Amino acid sequence: MKPKVCVIILIYNTVSKLTKNFLTNALNSILSQDYENFKLITIDNGSIDDTSSYVYNYFLNQGNGNKVK
């Protein structure tokens, strides 16, 4: 069995027009990899915008993911 890989993305106030696309592209890129034995962790460092809600809804729409707060 292939070893499990953990991918960690640190996020902070990333739902502005410029950075929202960057975050979405990063998440899409990670989830579209051929390697399937991985865990994706997003860490919100106290955002004051809707970053946490955006990431949560992104994973709900993908049909996967667990939210730990």
Protein backbone atom coordinates (compact mmCIF):
# COMPACT_ATOMS: atom_id res chain seq x y z
CA MET A 1 0.00 0.00 0.00
CA LYS A 2 1.22 3.49 -0.82
CA PRO A 3 2.09 5.67 2.18
CA LYS A 4 -0.48 8.22 3.26
CA VAL A 5 0.36 11.81 2.43
CA CYS A 6 -0.95 14.79 4.37
CA VAL A 7 -1.42 18.07 2.47
CA ILE A 8 -1.87 21.16 4.63
CA ILE A 9 -3.12 24.51 3.33
CA LEU A 10 -2.97 27.52 5.64
CA ILE A 11 -5.68 30.04 4.83
CA TYR A 12 -6.38 33.54 6.06
CA ASN A 13 -8.87 35.97 4.52
CA THR A 14 -8.72 34.27 1.12
CA VAL A 15 -12.17 34.90 -0.32
CA SER A 16 -11.48 38.26 -1.95
CA LYS A 17 -11.91 38.39 -5.73
CA LEU A 18 -8.19 37.86 -6.34
CA THR A 19 -7.43 35.13 -3.84
CA LYS A 20 -10.73 33.21 -4.05
CA ASN A 21 -9.77 31.87 -7.48
CA PHE A 22 -6.32 30.97 -6.19
CA LEU A 23 -7.80 29.01 -3.27
CA THR A 24 -10.34 27.24 -5.49
CA ASN A 25 -7.64 26.32 -8.01
CA ALA A 26 -5.38 25.01 -5.24
CA LEU A 27 -8.15 22.84 -3.77
CA ASN A 28 -9.20 21.57 -7.22
CA SER A 29 -5.60 20.75 -8.10
CA ILE A 30 -5.04 18.73 -4.93
CA LEU A 31 -8.31 16.83 -5.24
CA SER A 32 -7.71 15.98 -8.90
CA GLN A 33 -4.41 14.18 -8.27
CA ASP A 34 -4.07 10.51 -9.25
CA TYR A 35 -2.62 9.67 -5.85
CA GLU A 36 -5.60 8.83 -3.67
CA ASN A 37 -4.10 7.95 -0.30
CA PHE A 38 -3.95 11.45 1.14
CA LYS A 39 -5.59 13.70 3.68
CA LEU A 40 -6.19 17.37 2.92
CA ILE A 41 -6.20 19.69 5.93
CA THR A 42 -7.11 23.36 5.70
CA ILE A 43 -6.22 25.54 8.66
CA ASP A 44 -7.98 28.89 8.95
CA ASN A 45 -5.82 31.21 11.01
CA GLY A 46 -8.64 33.37 12.38
CA SER A 47 -10.01 34.88 9.18
CA ILE A 48 -12.41 37.77 9.63
CA ASP A 49 -14.08 37.24 6.25
CA ASP A 50 -16.06 34.22 4.98
CA THR A 51 -13.03 32.02 4.26
CA SER A 52 -14.02 29.26 6.68
CA SER A 53 -17.58 29.12 5.32
CA TYR A 54 -16.30 29.13 1.74
CA VAL A 55 -13.99 26.15 2.33
CA TYR A 56 -16.69 24.27 4.26
CA ASN A 57 -19.21 24.78 1.44
CA TYR A 58 -16.59 23.84 -1.15
CA PHE A 59 -16.19 20.43 0.47
CA LEU A 60 -19.94 20.01 0.91
CA ASN A 61 -20.35 20.58 -2.84
CA GLN A 62 -17.57 18.07 -3.53
CA GLY A 63 -19.39 15.49 -1.44
CA ASN A 64 -16.41 14.75 0.77
CA GLY A 65 -14.45 16.09 3.68
CA ASN A 66 -14.79 16.36 7.40
CA LYS A 67 -14.86 19.61 9.29
CA VAL A 68 -13.03 19.83 12.56
CA LYS A 69 -13.24 23.03 14.50
